[in-house]
Protein backbone atom coordinates (compact mmCIF):
# COMPACT_ATOMS: atom_id res chain seq x y z
CA UNK A 1 -2.36 33.48 89.72
CA UNK A 2 -5.10 34.84 87.55
CA UNK A 3 -2.99 37.59 87.26
CA UNK A 4 -0.31 35.33 85.70
CA UNK A 5 -2.31 33.76 83.42
CA UNK A 6 -4.34 36.55 81.99
CA UNK A 7 -0.67 38.00 81.13
CA UNK A 8 0.10 34.80 79.63
CA UNK A 9 -2.90 34.85 77.03
CA UNK A 10 -2.47 38.57 76.47
CA UNK A 11 1.44 37.64 75.26
CA UNK A 12 -0.22 35.36 72.57
CA UNK A 13 -3.10 37.55 71.62
CA UNK A 14 -2.81 39.08 68.27
CA UNK A 15 -6.12 41.34 68.25
CA UNK A 16 -8.50 39.00 65.98
CA UNK A 17 -9.64 35.51 66.30
CA UNK A 18 -8.79 34.70 62.77
CA UNK A 19 -5.90 32.23 62.77
CA UNK A 20 -4.65 32.99 59.27
CA UNK A 21 -3.88 36.77 60.13
CA UNK A 22 -0.28 37.34 60.44
CA UNK A 23 1.32 40.72 61.57
CA UNK A 24 3.29 42.94 59.10
CA UNK A 25 6.87 43.86 60.00
CA UNK A 26 7.34 47.70 61.11
CA UNK A 27 9.62 49.34 58.69
CA UNK A 28 9.11 53.18 59.83
CA UNK A 29 7.36 55.20 62.98
CA UNK A 30 5.53 58.06 62.99
CA UNK A 31 5.17 60.20 66.56
CA UNK A 32 1.97 62.39 66.87
CA UNK A 33 3.25 64.80 69.59
CA UNK A 34 6.80 65.79 70.05
CA UNK A 35 6.67 66.91 73.58
CA UNK A 36 8.50 64.91 76.64
CA UNK A 37 6.99 61.64 75.81
CA UNK A 38 6.83 61.77 72.23
CA UNK A 39 10.74 62.31 72.38
CA UNK A 40 11.30 59.43 74.41
CA UNK A 41 9.42 57.14 72.61
CA UNK A 42 11.08 58.28 69.35
CA UNK A 43 14.58 57.99 71.06
CA UNK A 44 13.65 54.39 72.40
CA UNK A 45 12.37 53.58 68.82
CA UNK A 46 15.36 54.58 66.95
CA UNK A 47 17.95 53.37 69.62
CA UNK A 48 16.48 49.92 70.41
CA UNK A 49 14.35 48.85 67.35
CA UNK A 50 16.77 50.71 64.66
CA UNK A 51 13.48 52.41 62.56
CA UNK A 52 13.64 55.83 61.25
CA UNK A 53 10.92 57.93 63.12
CA UNK A 54 8.98 60.93 61.77
CA UNK A 55 8.11 63.43 64.60
CA UNK A 56 4.96 65.53 63.76
CA UNK A 57 3.45 68.16 66.29
CA UNK A 58 1.15 71.05 65.69
CA UNK A 59 3.91 73.67 65.93
CA UNK A 60 7.82 73.73 65.12
CA UNK A 61 8.81 74.22 68.81
CA UNK A 62 7.19 70.87 69.84
CA UNK A 63 9.30 69.10 67.13
CA UNK A 64 12.56 70.90 68.23
CA UNK A 65 11.71 70.06 71.93
CA UNK A 66 11.59 66.45 71.02
CA UNK A 67 14.97 66.42 68.16
CA UNK A 68 16.82 67.93 71.20
CA UNK A 69 15.59 65.34 73.73
CA UNK A 70 16.74 62.59 71.05
CA UNK A 71 19.96 64.53 70.46
CA UNK A 72 20.74 64.56 74.25
CA UNK A 73 19.24 60.87 75.02
CA UNK A 74 21.54 59.44 71.59
């Protein structure tokens, strides 16, 4: 039961104790690291949240791999 109540409390958590804080809407997403996981997160973000995603990696091969994965998924 304690796990259930902890999960319910976390759903209401906004990261601060200030009741006047409201979250801002997300308009675009940047993904650092274009590996398999980065490509998957980018694909889900684009498909489900309908947000533009920019992928940044240390080299072009990582970005190409992530974009290839996104193309296959979508």
